[in-house]
Amino acid sequence: MFLTNAGMALLIVGVALGGTVAMECQELDRDGALKLNQIQLIGTHNSYHAGIAPSESRLWKIRALSAWEGLDYKHEPLMQQLDSGVRQIELDIFADSLGGRYAHPAGLEMVAAAHLPPDPPFDPEGLMMRPGFKVMHVQDLDFRSVCQPFKACLEEVRTWSHSHPGHIPIFILVETKQESTHGPMHLTEAEAFTVKTFDELDAEIRSVFPPEELITPDDVRGTCDTLNEAVLTGKWPTLKSARGKVIFLMDQRHVGPVYAQGHPSLRGRVLFTNAVPGEPDAAFTELNEGPASKIEKLVREGYLVRARTDESTHEARMNDTRRRDAMIASGAQILSTDYPASEPARWEGNYFVALPGNAVARCNPVNWPEECGAK
């Protein structure tokens, strides 16, 4: 087991999967001492990923077996993930301002050309023909999602949120996809994300979530000159004030400057960028592969960190828990996996990722305050 005695001793600050709320949690919420960056929770990587359909998989295995193996996972619908205790979801989005750009995946044509049995309908309601951000992993090749389009995914989250008042805040990681090649293949030309595109992204998010249901960079910065100054001086909101809300995070670092253009230190923006620590917009950063020592340092300084406990099914196939255990111990607040406890791997050992006691969230093992008890 990966649980340590110290880990077992941590106070549960969320609702355990068993359904009860710890008394310590109630007391902690009343005094509002615990900050948003002083908890740790489980998230899912590519939370929308519905898997690759049977005939499409057959082609992948013939033409690119190792690539297919890395994508051989799928997730439950978003509401089921949230029901099971997941508190971070990841949505990969493609801009589609006119609609129809991704409505006819080449993968479907390849299945037909190979005379393989047709897979389940890809877009029976014609959603892909409408303008708006689309959710998928790789256009033409890995295009099935548990929700579509992006706005509908957000509406599912909001519906769940309203049905669970006072929930641990939900972190929504957004990856903006604009690549048009995958290995040697040229894919449907992706639409670029410009400042205007990002304005439309913010507007779409705000059309679903009103200000009182969001935690934005402006909320964290407060009167500080920069976000970086705010997080280094402990200005993250309390867990008490953050309950029932959502926080949007940007996955790729290279698009951060475009998103921040005209918005110094992310003034007026919705998402927190995946920023270089020390930069004016730095509050959230990703160290998906660690090292754990660097994550711990950044967590102690006040940054919010996302790390991945597994990748491309490698750890899951071998039931290799070393990376998982290191990331949990590092204090990374967001632990992203393809295998939360409700969706264990199907290979020997049934690899999965969970917090002690299957808690939805716990006091962070690196920077918890005195209110969480003795270390």
Protein backbone atom coordinates (compact mmCIF):
# COMPACT_ATOMS: atom_id res chain seq x y z
CA MET A 1 0.00 0.00 0.00
CA PHE A 2 1.12 3.58 -0.66
CA LEU A 3 -0.48 5.02 2.49
CA THR A 4 1.90 6.08 5.24
CA ASN A 5 1.09 6.45 8.92
CA ALA A 6 1.42 10.22 8.51
CA GLY A 7 -0.91 10.14 5.54
CA MET A 8 -3.50 8.16 7.45
CA ALA A 9 -3.34 10.73 10.24
CA LEU A 10 -4.26 13.65 7.99
CA LEU A 11 -7.67 15.14 8.58
CA ILE A 12 -10.23 14.58 5.85
CA VAL A 13 -11.49 17.92 4.54
CA GLY A 14 -13.93 16.62 1.96
CA VAL A 15 -16.72 14.07 1.84
CA ALA A 16 -15.38 10.54 1.92
CA LEU A 17 -16.72 8.14 -0.65
CA GLY A 18 -18.57 6.47 2.20
CA GLY A 19 -20.70 9.59 2.51
CA THR A 20 -19.98 11.15 5.90
CA VAL A 21 -18.41 14.48 6.72
CA ALA A 22 -15.67 14.54 9.32
CA MET A 23 -16.37 16.71 12.37
CA GLU A 24 -12.94 18.27 11.88
CA CYS A 25 -14.06 19.41 8.45
CA GLN A 26 -17.06 21.23 9.89
CA GLU A 27 -14.95 22.97 12.52
CA LEU A 28 -12.34 23.91 9.93
CA ASP A 29 -14.95 25.41 7.66
CA ARG A 30 -16.37 27.54 10.44
CA ASP A 31 -13.11 29.27 11.25
CA GLY A 32 -12.06 29.46 7.60
CA ALA A 33 -8.40 28.78 8.38
CA LEU A 34 -7.64 26.31 5.58
CA LYS A 35 -6.60 27.94 2.30
CA LEU A 36 -7.39 26.64 -1.15
CA ASN A 37 -3.73 25.78 -1.78
CA GLN A 38 -3.53 23.77 1.46
CA ILE A 39 -5.58 20.82 0.28
CA GLN A 40 -4.90 17.88 -2.01
CA LEU A 41 -7.38 16.19 -4.34
CA ILE A 42 -7.69 13.71 -7.19
CA GLY A 43 -8.34 14.70 -10.80
CA THR A 44 -8.68 12.87 -14.08
CA HIS A 45 -6.49 13.32 -17.13
CA ASN A 46 -8.43 13.80 -20.39
CA SER A 47 -11.65 13.47 -18.42
CA TYR A 48 -13.76 13.59 -21.59
CA HIS A 49 -12.02 10.58 -23.18
CA ALA A 50 -14.69 8.06 -24.19
CA GLY A 51 -12.15 5.65 -25.63
CA ILE A 52 -11.56 4.50 -29.20
CA ALA A 53 -14.37 2.50 -30.79
CA PRO A 54 -13.81 -1.19 -31.70
CA SER A 55 -13.19 -0.94 -35.45
CA GLU A 56 -11.18 2.26 -35.05
CA SER A 57 -9.10 0.45 -32.41
CA ARG A 58 -8.52 -2.46 -34.77
CA LEU A 59 -7.02 -0.09 -37.34
CA TRP A 60 -4.89 1.65 -34.71
CA LYS A 61 -3.49 -1.65 -33.47
CA ILE A 62 -2.46 -2.63 -36.99
CA ARG A 63 -0.92 0.71 -37.94
CA ALA A 64 0.33 2.17 -34.65
CA LEU A 65 0.13 -0.32 -31.80
CA SER A 66 2.23 1.58 -29.25
CA ALA A 67 0.26 4.79 -29.84
CA TRP A 68 -3.01 2.90 -29.43
CA GLU A 69 -1.80 1.31 -26.19
CA GLY A 70 -1.10 4.75 -24.76
CA LEU A 71 -4.71 5.74 -25.44
CA ASP A 72 -6.31 2.53 -24.23
CA TYR A 73 -8.29 4.07 -21.39
CA LYS A 74 -11.67 5.74 -21.06
CA HIS A 75 -13.65 7.65 -18.48
CA GLU A 76 -17.17 7.67 -17.12
CA PRO A 77 -19.45 10.65 -17.85
CA LEU A 78 -18.42 13.80 -16.01
CA MET A 79 -21.23 13.65 -13.45
CA GLN A 80 -20.29 10.09 -12.52
CA GLN A 81 -16.67 11.13 -12.07
CA LEU A 82 -17.74 13.96 -9.78
CA ASP A 83 -20.06 11.59 -7.89
CA SER A 84 -17.10 9.29 -7.27
CA GLY A 85 -14.99 12.06 -5.73
CA VAL A 86 -13.00 13.47 -8.66
CA ARG A 87 -12.54 17.22 -8.16
CA GLN A 88 -10.43 18.14 -11.17
CA ILE A 89 -11.45 17.45 -14.74
CA GLU A 90 -9.54 18.12 -17.95
CA LEU A 91 -11.19 19.21 -21.20
CA ASP A 92 -9.22 19.47 -24.45
CA ILE A 93 -10.85 21.95 -26.80
CA PHE A 94 -10.61 22.85 -30.48
CA ALA A 95 -11.82 26.19 -31.78
CA ASP A 96 -14.53 25.87 -34.43
CA SER A 97 -15.86 29.36 -35.04
CA LEU A 98 -17.89 28.45 -38.14
CA GLY A 99 -18.90 24.93 -37.22
CA GLY A 100 -18.36 21.70 -39.17
CA ARG A 101 -14.55 21.78 -39.19
CA TYR A 102 -14.29 18.45 -37.32
CA ALA A 103 -17.63 16.93 -38.31
CA HIS A 104 -16.22 14.28 -40.66
CA PRO A 105 -13.27 12.49 -39.02
CA ALA A 106 -10.92 10.70 -41.37
CA GLY A 107 -10.93 7.74 -38.97
CA LEU A 108 -14.51 6.95 -39.92
CA GLU A 109 -13.58 6.96 -43.60
CA MET A 110 -10.64 4.65 -42.87
CA VAL A 111 -12.95 2.16 -41.13
CA ALA A 112 -15.31 2.19 -44.09
CA ALA A 113 -12.46 1.80 -46.59
CA ALA A 114 -11.17 -1.22 -44.65
CA HIS A 115 -14.65 -2.80 -44.81
CA LEU A 116 -14.77 -3.11 -41.04
CA PRO A 117 -18.05 -3.14 -39.10
CA PRO A 118 -19.28 0.42 -38.50
CA ASP A 119 -18.66 1.79 -35.03
CA PRO A 120 -21.37 3.49 -32.94
CA PRO A 121 -22.54 6.82 -34.38
CA PHE A 122 -20.03 9.59 -33.77
CA ASP A 123 -22.31 12.63 -33.81
CA PRO A 124 -25.95 11.55 -34.08
CA GLU A 125 -27.30 14.98 -33.06
CA GLY A 126 -25.13 16.96 -35.49
CA LEU A 127 -23.45 18.92 -32.71
CA MET A 128 -20.18 19.07 -34.62
CA MET A 129 -21.82 21.13 -37.36
CA ARG A 130 -22.61 23.98 -34.98
CA PRO A 131 -20.13 26.78 -34.16
CA GLY A 132 -18.37 26.57 -30.83
CA PHE A 133 -15.50 24.89 -29.02
CA LYS A 134 -15.35 21.12 -29.52
CA VAL A 135 -13.99 18.58 -27.02
CA MET A 136 -11.71 15.76 -28.21
CA HIS A 137 -8.18 14.44 -28.02
CA VAL A 138 -6.95 14.27 -31.63
CA GLN A 139 -9.04 15.37 -34.58
CA ASP A 140 -9.65 12.62 -37.16
CA LEU A 141 -8.06 9.92 -34.98
CA ASP A 142 -9.26 10.08 -31.35
CA PHE A 143 -12.42 12.12 -31.43
CA ARG A 144 -15.03 10.54 -29.13
CA SER A 145 -15.99 12.41 -25.98
CA VAL A 146 -18.32 11.79 -23.04
CA CYS A 147 -19.71 15.32 -23.57
CA GLN A 148 -19.97 17.68 -26.52
CA PRO A 149 -19.54 20.59 -27.15
CA PHE A 150 -17.45 22.40 -24.52
CA LYS A 151 -20.37 24.49 -23.28
CA ALA A 152 -22.48 21.37 -22.73
CA CYS A 153 -19.65 19.85 -20.66
CA LEU A 154 -19.59 22.96 -18.49
CA GLU A 155 -23.35 22.84 -18.09
CA GLU A 156 -23.06 19.27 -16.80
CA VAL A 157 -20.55 20.44 -14.19
CA ARG A 158 -22.80 23.31 -13.14
CA THR A 159 -25.81 21.01 -12.85
CA TRP A 160 -23.82 18.67 -10.61
CA SER A 161 -22.49 21.60 -8.60
CA HIS A 162 -25.97 22.93 -7.90
CA SER A 163 -27.04 19.47 -6.77
CA HIS A 164 -24.13 19.29 -4.29
CA PRO A 165 -23.98 22.66 -2.50
CA GLY A 166 -20.84 23.19 -0.46
CA HIS A 167 -18.76 20.74 -2.47
CA ILE A 168 -14.97 20.89 -2.57
CA PRO A 169 -14.20 23.37 -5.40
CA ILE A 170 -13.89 21.83 -8.85
CA PHE A 171 -10.79 22.59 -10.91
CA ILE A 172 -11.34 22.55 -14.68
CA LEU A 173 -8.13 22.21 -16.67
CA VAL A 174 -8.47 23.43 -20.26
CA GLU A 175 -6.07 22.40 -23.01
CA THR A 176 -6.38 24.44 -26.19
CA LYS A 177 -5.56 22.22 -29.16
CA GLN A 178 -4.30 23.72 -32.42
CA GLU A 179 -1.91 21.12 -33.83
CA SER A 180 -2.56 19.73 -37.31
CA THR A 181 -0.12 16.83 -37.39
CA HIS A 182 0.11 13.59 -35.43
CA GLY A 183 3.30 11.72 -36.13
CA PRO A 184 3.58 11.40 -39.92
CA MET A 185 -0.12 12.16 -40.46
CA HIS A 186 -1.53 15.50 -41.53
CA LEU A 187 -4.89 16.05 -39.90
CA THR A 188 -7.78 18.43 -40.38
CA GLU A 189 -6.30 21.92 -40.12
CA ALA A 190 -6.94 23.16 -36.59
CA GLU A 191 -8.14 26.69 -35.99
CA ALA A 192 -5.61 28.91 -34.22
CA PHE A 193 -6.26 30.35 -30.78
CA THR A 194 -5.86 34.11 -30.97
CA VAL A 195 -6.60 36.85 -28.46
CA LYS A 196 -10.08 37.05 -29.98
CA THR A 197 -10.53 33.28 -29.60
CA PHE A 198 -9.57 33.51 -25.96
CA ASP A 199 -12.01 36.37 -25.45
CA GLU A 200 -14.70 34.08 -26.84
CA LEU A 201 -13.54 31.27 -24.54
CA ASP A 202 -13.85 33.49 -21.47
CA ALA A 203 -17.27 34.66 -22.64
CA GLU A 204 -18.47 31.09 -23.12
CA ILE A 205 -17.34 30.11 -19.63
CA ARG A 206 -19.03 33.18 -18.12
CA SER A 207 -22.23 32.35 -20.01
CA VAL A 208 -22.45 29.17 -17.92
CA PHE A 209 -20.94 30.20 -14.58
CA PRO A 210 -21.90 33.56 -13.02
CA PRO A 211 -19.20 35.50 -11.10
CA GLU A 212 -20.30 34.19 -7.71
CA GLU A 213 -19.61 30.61 -8.84
CA LEU A 214 -16.09 31.28 -10.12
CA ILE A 215 -12.71 31.85 -8.55
CA THR A 216 -10.72 33.98 -10.98
CA PRO A 217 -7.25 35.54 -11.01
CA ASP A 218 -8.82 38.85 -9.93
CA ASP A 219 -10.25 37.15 -6.84
CA VAL A 220 -6.83 35.88 -5.80
CA ARG A 221 -4.80 38.97 -6.73
CA GLY A 222 -6.95 41.35 -4.72
CA THR A 223 -5.04 44.55 -4.02
CA CYS A 224 -1.65 43.06 -4.89
CA ASP A 225 0.17 44.29 -7.99
CA THR A 226 0.59 40.80 -9.43
CA LEU A 227 -0.78 37.31 -9.00
CA ASN A 228 2.70 36.11 -8.13
CA GLU A 229 2.90 38.57 -5.24
CA ALA A 230 -0.51 37.48 -4.03
CA VAL A 231 0.26 33.76 -3.85
CA LEU A 232 3.67 34.30 -2.29
CA THR A 233 2.02 36.30 0.48
CA GLY A 234 -0.73 33.79 1.18
CA LYS A 235 -3.69 35.39 -0.59
CA TRP A 236 -5.40 32.24 -1.84
CA PRO A 237 -9.05 32.19 -0.69
CA THR A 238 -10.09 29.92 2.14
CA LEU A 239 -11.61 26.54 1.45
CA LYS A 240 -14.73 27.77 3.22
CA SER A 241 -15.20 30.64 0.75
CA ALA A 242 -14.27 28.42 -2.23
CA ARG A 243 -16.79 25.65 -1.59
CA GLY A 244 -19.37 25.22 -4.32
CA LYS A 245 -17.25 27.09 -6.89
CA VAL A 246 -15.15 26.22 -9.94
CA ILE A 247 -11.63 27.31 -10.92
CA PHE A 248 -10.40 27.24 -14.51
CA LEU A 249 -6.75 26.44 -15.27
CA MET A 250 -4.85 26.51 -18.57
CA ASP A 251 -2.83 23.44 -19.49
CA GLN A 252 -0.24 24.55 -22.06
CA ARG A 253 2.37 27.08 -21.06
CA HIS A 254 3.17 28.37 -24.56
CA VAL A 255 -0.29 29.91 -25.09
CA GLY A 256 -0.18 31.83 -21.82
CA PRO A 257 1.33 35.01 -23.33
CA VAL A 258 -1.43 35.14 -25.97
CA TYR A 259 -4.10 34.71 -23.31
CA ALA A 260 -2.52 37.39 -21.11
CA GLN A 261 -2.10 39.92 -23.94
CA GLY A 262 -3.88 43.09 -22.89
CA HIS A 263 -4.56 41.56 -19.47
CA PRO A 264 -1.45 42.15 -17.32
CA SER A 265 -1.26 39.65 -14.48
CA LEU A 266 -4.47 38.15 -15.95
CA ARG A 267 -6.67 41.12 -15.01
CA GLY A 268 -10.18 40.44 -16.22
CA ARG A 269 -9.40 36.89 -17.36
CA VAL A 270 -11.12 33.68 -16.22
CA LEU A 271 -8.34 31.09 -16.42
CA PHE A 272 -5.15 30.85 -14.43
CA THR A 273 -2.25 30.28 -16.82
CA ASN A 274 0.28 27.49 -16.48
CA ALA A 275 2.92 30.07 -15.63
CA VAL A 276 6.63 30.08 -14.87
CA PRO A 277 7.00 30.63 -11.11
CA GLY A 278 8.13 34.18 -10.49
CA GLU A 279 6.37 35.67 -13.51
CA PRO A 280 3.60 38.25 -12.85
CA ASP A 281 0.82 35.79 -13.81
CA ALA A 282 2.25 32.91 -11.76
CA ALA A 283 -0.21 31.30 -9.35
CA PHE A 284 -0.68 27.89 -10.97
CA THR A 285 1.97 25.73 -12.60
CA GLU A 286 2.32 22.18 -13.86
CA LEU A 287 5.13 19.77 -13.05
CA ASN A 288 3.50 16.71 -14.51
CA GLU A 289 6.53 14.48 -14.09
CA GLY A 290 8.04 16.16 -11.04
CA PRO A 291 10.57 15.97 -9.62
CA ALA A 292 8.82 15.69 -6.29
CA SER A 293 11.46 17.85 -4.59
CA LYS A 294 10.73 20.79 -6.90
CA ILE A 295 6.98 20.37 -6.46
CA GLU A 296 7.36 20.42 -2.69
CA LYS A 297 9.41 23.62 -2.88
CA LEU A 298 6.81 25.38 -5.03
CA VAL A 299 3.94 24.22 -2.81
CA ARG A 300 5.72 25.58 0.26
CA GLU A 301 6.17 28.91 -1.54
CA GLY A 302 2.43 29.18 -2.16
CA TYR A 303 1.92 27.99 -5.75
CA LEU A 304 -0.85 25.68 -6.88
CA VAL A 305 0.70 22.66 -8.64
CA ARG A 306 -0.75 19.96 -10.86
CA ALA A 307 1.15 16.69 -11.32
CA ARG A 308 0.35 13.47 -13.15
CA THR A 309 0.56 10.20 -11.25
CA ASP A 310 0.65 8.06 -14.40
CA GLU A 311 0.88 8.48 -18.15
CA SER A 312 0.02 6.63 -21.36
CA THR A 313 -1.03 3.50 -19.42
CA HIS A 314 2.63 2.69 -18.61
CA GLU A 315 2.33 2.60 -14.81
CA ALA A 316 -1.10 1.00 -14.96
CA ARG A 317 -0.02 -1.95 -17.11
CA MET A 318 2.82 -2.77 -14.69
CA ASN A 319 1.02 -1.71 -11.51
CA ASP A 320 4.05 0.51 -10.91
CA THR A 321 3.14 2.79 -8.01
CA ARG A 322 6.46 4.65 -7.60
CA ARG A 323 5.46 7.75 -9.55
CA ARG A 324 2.01 7.81 -7.93
CA ASP A 325 3.46 7.62 -4.43
CA ALA A 326 6.06 10.30 -5.13
CA MET A 327 3.51 12.73 -6.54
CA ILE A 328 1.13 12.20 -3.61
CA ALA A 329 3.93 12.82 -1.12
CA SER A 330 5.16 15.88 -3.05
CA GLY A 331 2.20 17.98 -1.95
CA ALA A 332 0.99 18.70 -5.48
CA GLN A 333 -2.52 19.93 -4.81
CA ILE A 334 -3.96 18.39 -7.99
CA LEU A 335 -3.11 14.74 -8.66
CA SER A 336 -4.22 13.85 -12.18
CA THR A 337 -4.69 10.23 -13.23
CA ASP A 338 -6.32 8.05 -15.85
CA TYR A 339 -7.33 5.69 -13.02
CA PRO A 340 -9.21 7.18 -10.07
CA ALA A 341 -10.44 4.69 -7.48
CA SER A 342 -13.77 4.32 -9.27
CA GLU A 343 -12.01 3.41 -12.54
CA PRO A 344 -9.11 1.07 -11.66
CA ALA A 345 -6.91 -0.31 -14.42
CA ARG A 346 -7.99 -3.67 -15.79
CA TRP A 347 -4.49 -5.17 -15.83
CA GLU A 348 -2.99 -7.28 -13.06
CA GLY A 349 -2.81 -5.34 -9.82
CA ASN A 350 -5.70 -3.04 -10.77
CA TYR A 351 -3.66 0.14 -10.45
CA PHE A 352 -5.60 3.17 -9.16
CA VAL A 353 -5.01 6.47 -7.39
CA ALA A 354 -6.76 7.53 -4.18
CA LEU A 355 -6.17 9.57 -1.06
CA PRO A 356 -6.08 7.97 2.39
CA GLY A 357 -9.50 6.69 3.33
CA ASN A 358 -10.76 7.39 -0.20
CA ALA A 359 -11.23 11.02 0.86
CA VAL A 360 -12.37 13.51 -1.76
CA ALA A 361 -9.75 15.92 -0.42
CA ARG A 362 -7.37 16.14 2.50
CA CYS A 363 -5.10 18.60 4.22
CA ASN A 364 -2.01 18.97 2.07
CA PRO A 365 0.86 16.77 3.35
CA VAL A 366 3.41 19.54 2.75
CA ASN A 367 1.86 22.86 3.77
CA TRP A 368 -1.10 22.09 6.01
CA PRO A 369 -1.80 24.64 8.76
CA GLU A 370 -1.91 23.94 12.50
CA GLU A 371 -5.68 23.53 12.29
CA CYS A 372 -5.15 20.22 10.49
CA GLY A 373 -3.34 18.77 13.49
CA ALA A 374 0.24 17.80 14.28
CA LYS A 375 2.47 16.46 11.53
